[in-house]
Amino acid sequence: MAECICGFAGTGRAQIWLGPNDVCAPDTLLGDWNGLRSALAPHGVNYGLQNQTELWGNLTGGVKQGIAFDGLLTASLCIDLDKAANWKGATFFANGFQIYGPEPTQELVGALQLVSGIEAAYSTKLYDLWLEQQFFDGKLLLRLGQEGASDEFMLAPFAGIFLNSSFGYPALLALDLPSGGPNYPLAVPFFRLLYAPNEQVSLVTGVFTEDPAPPGTGDPQLRDRHGTAFRLNDHALSFAELWYSPAFMTAQGLPGTYKLGAWFATGPFTDPLHDTNGLSLVNPASNGVPATHTGNYAIYGIINQLLWHKPNTQAQGIGYFLQVMHAPDDRDLSDWFIEAGLNWKGPLPGRSHDQAGLAVTYAGIGAAARQYSRDLIFYSGLGTPYAQGEPIIEATYRARLTPWFKLQPDVQYVINPGAGIPIPGHSTPLKNALVLGLRMTVNF
């Protein structure tokens, strides 16, 4: 029978301890909704309503000092079609967003990596809309419809507690792919195959529309304001990941997953440094037309490992994660992405559901893009050189105050915000920023 997972997948956040997210959990503020949940459950219908509200303050550096808030209301529907329609091994899932508030990174920080994984342009959007079918006793799963690439790919589950967007969707893709690629808040048509011949090995492949936004100018999020563009006439973005979960580690009570992956985009990508004649784009002799490369790609590896399991508990302990991704610099602004961190569930006595985390994420700027900034200074006398990258250190603590209410204070230190890349109103690189945040999550 298909497992009905009504997870909040929009920001690419997987559940920390390897299970469905609780957006459709029974422990909700409104309980059984006057018997509606209980009445629908035998028919395979589950639904959820979750609100996340954040308050952010930039204490120093960045664009300016100040405060901003943002929020996300998520409605989800999951139907186990085995129960609902006697359709064996099939699941239907859909969710949609109401995104509200300003974008704190743009207003206050100026970082390439967003301090919040839920910040986006104000809009009402459809996101996930898919059907999944199991074959061969659940060893092969086909999913088809609309979703974001980070719903299932490039995930280190222990990273899911962190609020910075890069811990859900690597900044390398957001900076290099057209319109940021298929990711919150813009999902795209896709299909995915997952083959798991045993409990230790899985192979996952998927193909997505490369550019989630219709042609045009301005904010891509507003070009598909309601998430209903359903773009099929565009280039493709393909993923493949091999997952390995060592049985001997699981037997010792320390489960872990090791992933090796790659993605390939078929569209054209412009050179950040050279024109079609091989000259620097800022050379006075340049024709000003960037060289074009066919296709783009990256390879990456992920480790997600429980280090210590607290005795006599079901899921408490300390886990770590690491992800490293590399792309060519001759067609990309960012050529390296690294994230690593620790996640501790149950850090305090009597707080078994709380989680604490410390992590770092790094978006590297390619050598070609950095050479462009130096050439600009040489030929024009203007500008400043780009930094090698933008590191961000994040510490967070998520407290489950009730089964339906979580409070999460967060602090992020942003080094080289924007990596020295010019932004309107700032002719010099931004100073390091210290950002404080607070997220409140309510499941209705």
Protein backbone atom coordinates (compact mmCIF):
# COMPACT_ATOMS: atom_id res chain seq x y z
CA MET A 1 0.00 0.00 0.00
CA ALA A 2 1.27 3.45 -0.85
CA GLU A 3 2.44 5.54 2.09
CA CYS A 4 0.57 8.83 2.13
CA ILE A 5 3.20 11.45 2.86
CA CYS A 6 1.74 14.94 3.18
CA GLY A 7 5.05 16.66 3.74
CA PHE A 8 5.85 20.34 3.39
CA ALA A 9 8.26 19.99 0.52
CA GLY A 10 8.23 23.54 -0.80
CA THR A 11 11.55 24.61 0.66
CA GLY A 12 13.24 21.30 0.14
CA ARG A 13 13.14 20.57 3.87
CA ALA A 14 13.17 16.84 4.60
CA GLN A 15 12.16 15.64 8.05
CA ILE A 16 15.23 15.58 10.31
CA TRP A 17 14.75 12.06 11.60
CA LEU A 18 13.91 10.35 8.33
CA GLY A 19 10.10 10.52 8.32
CA PRO A 20 7.25 12.58 6.85
CA ASN A 21 6.99 16.21 7.86
CA ASP A 22 4.24 16.99 10.32
CA VAL A 23 2.20 19.43 8.25
CA CYS A 24 -0.55 16.78 8.06
CA ALA A 25 0.05 15.34 11.55
CA PRO A 26 -2.93 14.65 13.83
CA ASP A 27 -1.51 16.85 16.64
CA THR A 28 -2.99 20.13 15.47
CA LEU A 29 -4.37 23.29 17.04
CA LEU A 30 -7.88 22.55 15.77
CA GLY A 31 -7.67 18.86 16.63
CA ASP A 32 -10.04 16.65 14.67
CA TRP A 33 -11.75 19.58 12.96
CA ASN A 34 -15.10 18.60 14.49
CA GLY A 35 -14.70 15.01 13.32
CA LEU A 36 -13.72 15.81 9.72
CA ARG A 37 -10.24 14.23 9.93
CA SER A 38 -11.60 11.03 11.47
CA ALA A 39 -14.32 10.82 8.85
CA LEU A 40 -11.90 11.22 5.93
CA ALA A 41 -9.04 9.05 7.21
CA PRO A 42 -10.72 5.67 6.46
CA HIS A 43 -11.13 6.87 2.87
CA GLY A 44 -7.41 7.62 2.58
CA VAL A 45 -7.80 11.41 2.68
CA ASN A 46 -5.46 13.47 4.83
CA TYR A 47 -5.01 17.23 4.80
CA GLY A 48 -2.98 19.86 6.58
CA LEU A 49 -2.81 23.58 7.20
CA GLN A 50 0.42 25.08 8.49
CA ASN A 51 1.49 28.66 9.09
CA GLN A 52 5.10 29.76 9.47
CA THR A 53 5.83 33.35 10.52
CA GLU A 54 9.30 34.81 10.88
CA LEU A 55 10.81 37.97 12.36
CA TRP A 56 14.30 38.97 11.24
CA GLY A 57 16.67 41.69 12.42
CA ASN A 58 20.01 42.71 10.95
CA LEU A 59 22.21 44.08 13.73
CA THR A 60 25.28 45.05 11.73
CA GLY A 61 26.64 45.15 8.17
CA GLY A 62 24.70 44.06 5.10
CA VAL A 63 22.43 46.49 3.26
CA LYS A 64 21.05 48.24 6.33
CA GLN A 65 20.11 47.68 9.94
CA GLY A 66 16.48 47.03 10.72
CA ILE A 67 13.79 44.41 11.09
CA ALA A 68 11.51 42.59 8.65
CA PHE A 69 9.00 39.79 8.82
CA ASP A 70 7.86 37.18 6.35
CA GLY A 71 5.53 34.21 6.38
CA LEU A 72 4.16 31.19 4.60
CA LEU A 73 0.75 29.56 4.86
CA THR A 74 0.69 26.04 3.40
CA ALA A 75 -2.37 23.95 2.60
CA SER A 76 -1.77 20.27 1.74
CA LEU A 77 -3.91 17.40 0.53
CA CYS A 78 -2.81 13.76 0.40
CA ILE A 79 -4.97 10.90 -0.86
CA ASP A 80 -4.11 7.22 -0.51
CA LEU A 81 -5.83 6.05 -3.69
CA ASP A 82 -5.74 2.44 -2.50
CA LYS A 83 -8.25 3.34 0.20
CA ALA A 84 -10.05 6.06 -1.75
CA ALA A 85 -10.54 4.30 -5.09
CA ASN A 86 -9.09 0.77 -4.74
CA TRP A 87 -6.15 1.93 -6.91
CA LYS A 88 -3.36 -0.25 -5.58
CA GLY A 89 -0.07 1.43 -4.76
CA ALA A 90 -1.09 4.95 -5.84
CA THR A 91 -0.86 8.26 -3.97
CA PHE A 92 -2.01 11.76 -4.92
CA PHE A 93 -0.49 14.86 -3.34
CA ALA A 94 -1.03 18.60 -3.76
CA ASN A 95 -0.14 21.71 -1.84
CA GLY A 96 -0.31 25.45 -2.29
CA PHE A 97 1.14 28.54 -0.63
CA GLN A 98 0.15 31.97 0.51
CA ILE A 99 3.46 33.83 0.73
CA TYR A 100 3.42 37.14 2.59
CA GLY A 101 5.66 39.82 4.02
CA PRO A 102 8.81 41.47 2.59
CA GLU A 103 11.95 39.55 1.67
CA PRO A 104 14.39 40.09 4.57
CA THR A 105 17.56 39.13 2.68
CA GLN A 106 16.92 41.62 -0.10
CA GLU A 107 15.86 44.41 2.26
CA LEU A 108 18.44 43.98 5.01
CA VAL A 109 21.35 41.68 4.16
CA GLY A 110 22.14 41.55 0.44
CA ALA A 111 23.40 37.96 0.63
CA LEU A 112 23.44 35.52 -2.29
CA GLN A 113 22.08 32.82 0.04
CA LEU A 114 18.73 33.78 1.52
CA VAL A 115 18.63 33.86 5.31
CA SER A 116 15.18 32.26 5.16
CA GLY A 117 14.11 29.28 3.08
CA ILE A 118 10.50 30.54 2.98
CA GLU A 119 11.06 34.14 1.91
CA ALA A 120 9.74 34.92 -1.56
CA ALA A 121 7.69 37.49 -3.45
CA TYR A 122 4.14 38.00 -2.14
CA SER A 123 1.84 35.64 -4.03
CA THR A 124 -0.68 32.81 -3.87
CA LYS A 125 0.80 29.75 -5.56
CA LEU A 126 0.13 26.16 -6.44
CA TYR A 127 3.29 24.17 -5.81
CA ASP A 128 3.15 20.36 -5.65
CA LEU A 129 0.66 18.47 -7.77
CA TRP A 130 1.64 14.87 -8.43
CA LEU A 131 0.62 11.25 -8.67
CA GLU A 132 2.86 8.42 -7.51
CA GLN A 133 2.53 4.76 -8.46
CA GLN A 134 4.33 1.80 -6.90
CA PHE A 135 5.43 -1.29 -8.82
CA PHE A 136 7.06 -4.62 -7.89
CA ASP A 137 5.97 -4.58 -4.25
CA GLY A 138 7.12 -1.01 -3.74
CA LYS A 139 10.65 -1.47 -5.10
CA LEU A 140 9.96 0.86 -8.04
CA LEU A 141 8.11 4.17 -7.64
CA LEU A 142 7.09 6.46 -10.48
CA ARG A 143 6.06 10.03 -9.66
CA LEU A 144 4.63 12.37 -12.29
CA GLY A 145 3.21 15.88 -12.17
CA GLN A 146 4.63 19.11 -10.73
CA GLU A 147 7.15 19.66 -7.93
CA GLY A 148 10.48 21.33 -7.14
CA ALA A 149 13.82 19.62 -7.66
CA SER A 150 14.78 19.93 -4.00
CA ASP A 151 11.67 18.09 -2.82
CA GLU A 152 13.59 14.84 -3.31
CA PHE A 153 17.07 15.62 -4.68
CA MET A 154 20.20 17.12 -3.10
CA LEU A 155 18.82 16.57 0.41
CA ALA A 156 20.77 15.93 3.60
CA PRO A 157 17.93 15.28 6.07
CA PHE A 158 19.91 16.44 9.13
CA ALA A 159 20.21 19.85 7.43
CA GLY A 160 16.45 20.28 7.50
CA ILE A 161 16.38 22.13 10.82
CA PHE A 162 18.32 25.13 9.48
CA LEU A 163 16.51 28.21 8.16
CA ASN A 164 18.96 29.48 5.53
CA SER A 165 17.71 28.58 2.06
CA SER A 166 20.96 26.86 1.04
CA PHE A 167 20.36 24.03 3.50
CA GLY A 168 17.31 23.06 1.46
CA TYR A 169 18.33 24.04 -2.08
CA PRO A 170 22.04 24.53 -2.84
CA ALA A 171 22.90 28.11 -3.70
CA LEU A 172 24.94 26.94 -6.69
CA LEU A 173 21.77 26.03 -8.60
CA ALA A 174 19.92 29.15 -7.48
CA LEU A 175 22.76 31.31 -8.85
CA ASP A 176 23.53 29.36 -12.04
CA LEU A 177 20.24 28.10 -13.46
CA PRO A 178 17.73 30.31 -15.34
CA SER A 179 15.24 31.89 -12.92
CA GLY A 180 17.02 30.01 -10.15
CA GLY A 181 15.87 26.61 -11.43
CA PRO A 182 12.85 24.57 -10.29
CA ASN A 183 12.63 25.27 -6.58
CA TYR A 184 10.43 27.02 -4.04
CA PRO A 185 8.37 28.96 -4.83
CA LEU A 186 8.39 27.84 -8.48
CA ALA A 187 7.68 24.17 -9.17
CA VAL A 188 7.68 22.68 -12.67
CA PRO A 189 6.43 19.64 -14.60
CA PHE A 190 8.57 16.58 -13.90
CA PHE A 191 8.79 12.83 -13.63
CA ARG A 192 10.83 10.78 -11.20
CA LEU A 193 11.80 7.11 -10.88
CA LEU A 194 13.01 5.60 -7.61
CA TYR A 195 14.31 2.03 -7.60
CA ALA A 196 15.16 0.41 -4.26
CA PRO A 197 16.05 -3.28 -4.75
CA ASN A 198 16.86 -3.58 -1.04
CA GLU A 199 17.08 -1.50 2.13
CA GLN A 200 20.69 -0.53 1.51
CA VAL A 201 20.68 0.79 -2.07
CA SER A 202 18.41 3.15 -3.99
CA LEU A 203 18.72 4.78 -7.41
CA VAL A 204 16.72 7.96 -8.01
CA THR A 205 16.43 9.78 -11.33
CA GLY A 206 14.25 12.69 -12.39
CA VAL A 207 13.70 15.13 -15.25
CA PHE A 208 12.37 18.66 -14.69
CA THR A 209 11.68 21.72 -16.80
CA GLU A 210 14.91 23.74 -16.57
CA ASP A 211 13.46 27.27 -16.36
CA PRO A 212 10.37 27.55 -14.13
CA ALA A 213 9.37 31.06 -15.27
CA PRO A 214 7.72 32.09 -18.55
CA PRO A 215 9.78 34.33 -20.86
CA GLY A 216 9.93 37.99 -19.95
CA THR A 217 11.69 40.49 -17.73
CA GLY A 218 11.49 41.27 -14.04
CA ASP A 219 11.06 38.93 -11.09
CA PRO A 220 10.65 35.31 -12.33
CA GLN A 221 8.43 34.58 -9.33
CA LEU A 222 5.93 37.15 -10.57
CA ARG A 223 6.04 35.88 -14.17
CA ASP A 224 4.43 32.72 -12.80
CA ARG A 225 2.52 34.42 -10.00
CA HIS A 226 0.18 31.51 -9.26
CA GLY A 227 2.36 28.49 -10.03
CA THR A 228 0.23 27.39 -12.96
CA ALA A 229 2.52 28.02 -15.94
CA PHE A 230 3.06 24.23 -16.39
CA ARG A 231 5.93 24.90 -18.80
CA LEU A 232 6.70 21.95 -21.08
CA ASN A 233 8.31 23.75 -24.04
CA ASP A 234 11.65 24.45 -22.38
CA HIS A 235 15.00 22.83 -21.85
CA ALA A 236 15.36 19.92 -19.42
CA LEU A 237 17.14 19.57 -16.10
CA SER A 238 17.98 15.95 -15.21
CA PHE A 239 19.11 14.45 -11.89
CA ALA A 240 20.52 11.08 -10.88
CA GLU A 241 21.43 10.01 -7.36
CA LEU A 242 22.73 6.75 -5.91
CA TRP A 243 21.90 6.26 -2.21
CA TYR A 244 23.68 3.82 0.06
CA SER A 245 22.68 3.06 3.67
CA PRO A 246 25.22 0.68 5.26
CA ALA A 247 23.50 -2.21 7.02
CA PHE A 248 26.28 -2.59 9.61
CA MET A 249 25.80 1.03 10.74
CA THR A 250 22.06 0.57 11.04
CA ALA A 251 22.62 -2.61 13.07
CA GLN A 252 24.73 -0.57 15.50
CA GLY A 253 21.91 1.94 15.93
CA LEU A 254 23.70 4.59 13.87
CA PRO A 255 21.83 4.77 10.55
CA GLY A 256 23.26 6.88 7.77
CA THR A 257 22.85 7.57 4.07
CA TYR A 258 25.59 8.35 1.55
CA LYS A 259 24.63 9.87 -1.79
CA LEU A 260 26.48 10.40 -5.05
CA GLY A 261 24.66 12.59 -7.54
CA ALA A 262 24.83 14.69 -10.68
CA TRP A 263 22.61 17.05 -12.61
CA PHE A 264 22.68 18.13 -16.24
CA ALA A 265 20.89 21.08 -17.85
CA THR A 266 20.41 21.13 -21.63
CA GLY A 267 19.94 24.86 -22.22
CA PRO A 268 22.49 27.45 -23.41
CA PHE A 269 24.65 29.17 -20.79
CA THR A 270 26.66 32.35 -21.33
CA ASP A 271 30.33 32.73 -20.45
CA PRO A 272 30.85 35.10 -17.48
CA LEU A 273 34.20 36.36 -18.85
CA HIS A 274 34.72 35.92 -22.59
CA ASP A 275 33.00 37.19 -25.72
CA THR A 276 32.54 35.16 -28.89
CA ASN A 277 36.04 36.15 -30.03
CA GLY A 278 37.68 34.98 -26.81
CA LEU A 279 38.33 38.48 -25.46
CA SER A 280 37.34 39.69 -22.02
CA LEU A 281 33.86 41.16 -22.16
CA VAL A 282 35.12 44.44 -20.65
CA ASN A 283 38.04 44.74 -23.06
CA PRO A 284 37.44 47.86 -25.23
CA ALA A 285 38.05 45.66 -28.29
CA SER A 286 35.34 43.17 -27.26
CA ASN A 287 32.19 42.82 -29.35
CA GLY A 288 30.19 42.61 -26.08
CA VAL A 289 28.48 39.34 -27.02
CA PRO A 290 29.16 36.64 -24.41
CA ALA A 291 30.34 33.27 -25.63
CA THR A 292 27.68 30.57 -25.34
CA HIS A 293 28.13 27.07 -23.95
CA THR A 294 25.72 24.25 -24.66
CA GLY A 295 24.54 22.58 -21.49
CA ASN A 296 25.59 22.76 -17.86
CA TYR A 297 26.26 20.21 -15.16
CA ALA A 298 27.45 19.54 -11.61
CA ILE A 299 28.50 16.55 -9.55
CA TYR A 300 27.97 16.26 -5.81
CA GLY A 301 28.21 14.01 -2.80
CA ILE A 302 26.18 13.94 0.42
CA ILE A 303 26.76 12.34 3.82
CA ASN A 304 23.95 12.15 6.36
CA GLN A 305 25.05 10.14 9.40
CA LEU A 306 23.90 9.64 12.98
CA LEU A 307 27.02 9.90 15.17
CA TRP A 308 25.62 9.15 18.60
CA HIS A 309 22.34 7.60 19.69
CA LYS A 310 21.23 8.43 23.23
CA PRO A 311 20.69 5.13 25.05
CA ASN A 312 17.14 4.02 25.79
CA THR A 313 15.58 6.55 23.38
CA GLN A 314 13.95 6.08 20.01
CA ALA A 315 15.41 8.94 18.02
CA GLN A 316 17.51 11.21 20.24
CA GLY A 317 21.15 11.82 19.46
CA ILE A 318 23.60 13.76 17.34
CA GLY A 319 23.86 13.56 13.57
CA TYR A 320 26.04 15.33 11.03
CA PHE A 321 25.74 16.16 7.36
CA LEU A 322 28.07 17.22 4.56
CA GLN A 323 27.36 18.16 0.96
CA VAL A 324 29.92 19.19 -1.66
CA MET A 325 28.92 20.23 -5.21
CA HIS A 326 31.10 21.37 -8.12
CA ALA A 327 30.18 22.92 -11.50
CA PRO A 328 32.34 24.36 -14.31
CA ASP A 329 33.31 28.02 -13.90
CA ASP A 330 33.38 28.84 -17.63
CA ARG A 331 29.57 29.11 -17.72
CA ASP A 332 28.60 29.66 -14.10
CA LEU A 333 28.77 32.41 -11.51
CA SER A 334 29.11 29.83 -8.72
CA ASP A 335 31.32 26.78 -9.19
CA TRP A 336 31.48 25.36 -5.64
CA PHE A 337 28.89 24.74 -2.95
CA ILE A 338 29.66 23.27 0.47
CA GLU A 339 27.44 22.75 3.50
CA ALA A 340 28.20 20.93 6.75
CA GLY A 341 26.78 20.81 10.22
CA LEU A 342 25.57 19.05 13.36
CA ASN A 343 22.03 18.33 14.48
CA TRP A 344 21.23 17.33 18.07
CA LYS A 345 17.79 16.02 18.92
CA GLY A 346 16.87 16.09 22.61
CA PRO A 347 19.77 18.33 23.74
CA LEU A 348 18.19 19.26 27.08
CA PRO A 349 16.76 17.03 29.81
CA GLY A 350 13.01 16.74 29.49
CA ARG A 351 13.05 18.27 25.96
CA SER A 352 13.15 15.10 23.84
CA HIS A 353 11.45 16.72 20.82
CA ASP A 354 13.64 19.83 20.70
CA GLN A 355 16.50 20.13 18.20
CA ALA A 356 19.64 22.24 18.16
CA GLY A 357 22.00 22.77 15.26
CA LEU A 358 25.23 24.45 14.17
CA ALA A 359 26.21 24.58 10.50
CA VAL A 360 28.06 26.45 7.78
CA THR A 361 27.19 26.93 4.12
CA TYR A 362 29.48 28.27 1.41
CA ALA A 363 28.68 29.54 -2.10
CA GLY A 364 31.88 29.84 -4.11
CA ILE A 365 32.36 32.32 -6.95
CA GLY A 366 34.03 30.91 -10.06
CA ALA A 367 37.47 31.96 -11.25
CA ALA A 368 36.08 33.32 -14.54
CA ALA A 369 33.59 35.59 -12.78
CA ARG A 370 36.30 36.83 -10.42
CA GLN A 371 38.59 37.53 -13.37
CA TYR A 372 35.79 39.58 -14.95
CA SER A 373 35.68 41.82 -11.87
CA ARG A 374 39.46 42.33 -12.00
CA ASP A 375 39.34 43.08 -15.75
CA LEU A 376 36.62 45.66 -15.10
CA ILE A 377 38.90 47.44 -12.64
CA PHE A 378 41.86 47.24 -15.04
CA TYR A 379 40.03 48.64 -18.07
CA SER A 380 37.69 51.14 -16.43
CA GLY A 381 39.17 51.89 -13.02
CA LEU A 382 35.75 51.15 -11.52
CA GLY A 383 34.43 48.49 -9.19
CA THR A 384 35.99 46.11 -6.69
CA PRO A 385 37.12 42.50 -7.06
CA TYR A 386 34.63 39.77 -6.25
CA ALA A 387 35.30 37.64 -3.20
CA GLN A 388 36.05 33.95 -3.58
CA GLY A 389 32.75 33.11 -1.95
CA GLU A 390 30.10 33.81 0.64
CA PRO A 391 30.22 31.72 3.85
CA ILE A 392 27.35 31.77 6.33
CA ILE A 393 27.45 30.32 9.82
CA GLU A 394 24.10 29.44 11.40
CA ALA A 395 23.13 28.36 14.92
CA THR A 396 19.54 27.45 15.68
CA TYR A 397 17.28 25.85 18.30
CA ARG A 398 13.79 24.53 17.56
CA ALA A 399 11.60 24.08 20.63
CA ARG A 400 8.38 22.09 20.39
CA LEU A 401 6.26 23.91 22.96
CA THR A 402 3.14 21.89 22.12
CA PRO A 403 2.59 19.13 19.53
CA TRP A 404 1.22 21.79 17.17
CA PHE A 405 3.40 24.83 18.00
CA LYS A 406 7.17 25.26 17.49
CA LEU A 407 9.34 28.26 18.29
CA GLN A 408 12.76 28.56 16.66
CA PRO A 409 15.30 31.30 17.47
CA ASP A 410 18.10 31.54 14.93
CA VAL A 411 21.34 33.46 14.43
CA GLN A 412 23.33 33.75 11.18
CA TYR A 413 26.67 35.42 10.55
CA VAL A 414 27.04 36.32 6.87
CA ILE A 415 30.62 36.79 5.64
CA ASN A 416 31.13 38.78 2.41
CA PRO A 417 27.39 39.36 1.80
CA GLY A 418 26.86 39.20 -1.96
CA ALA A 419 30.53 38.16 -2.42
CA GLY A 420 31.37 41.71 -3.51
CA ILE A 421 29.06 41.61 -6.55
CA PRO A 422 27.62 45.14 -6.98
CA ILE A 423 24.03 45.85 -6.00
CA PRO A 424 22.08 49.09 -6.61
CA GLY A 425 22.93 51.81 -4.11
CA HIS A 426 26.18 50.23 -2.91
CA SER A 427 29.44 50.95 -4.73
CA THR A 428 31.61 49.11 -2.20
CA PRO A 429 31.37 45.54 -0.87
CA LEU A 430 28.90 44.96 1.94
CA LYS A 431 30.25 44.43 5.44
CA ASN A 432 29.72 41.19 7.31
CA ALA A 433 26.18 40.93 8.71
CA LEU A 434 24.89 39.52 11.99
CA VAL A 435 21.26 38.46 11.57
CA LEU A 436 18.86 37.28 14.27
CA GLY A 437 15.66 35.45 13.43
CA LEU A 438 12.65 33.85 15.08
CA ARG A 439 10.31 31.39 13.35
CA MET A 440 6.91 30.38 14.74
CA THR A 441 5.23 27.31 13.25
CA VAL A 442 1.59 26.39 13.91
CA ASN A 443 -0.14 23.29 12.55
CA PHE A 444 -3.90 23.76 12.36
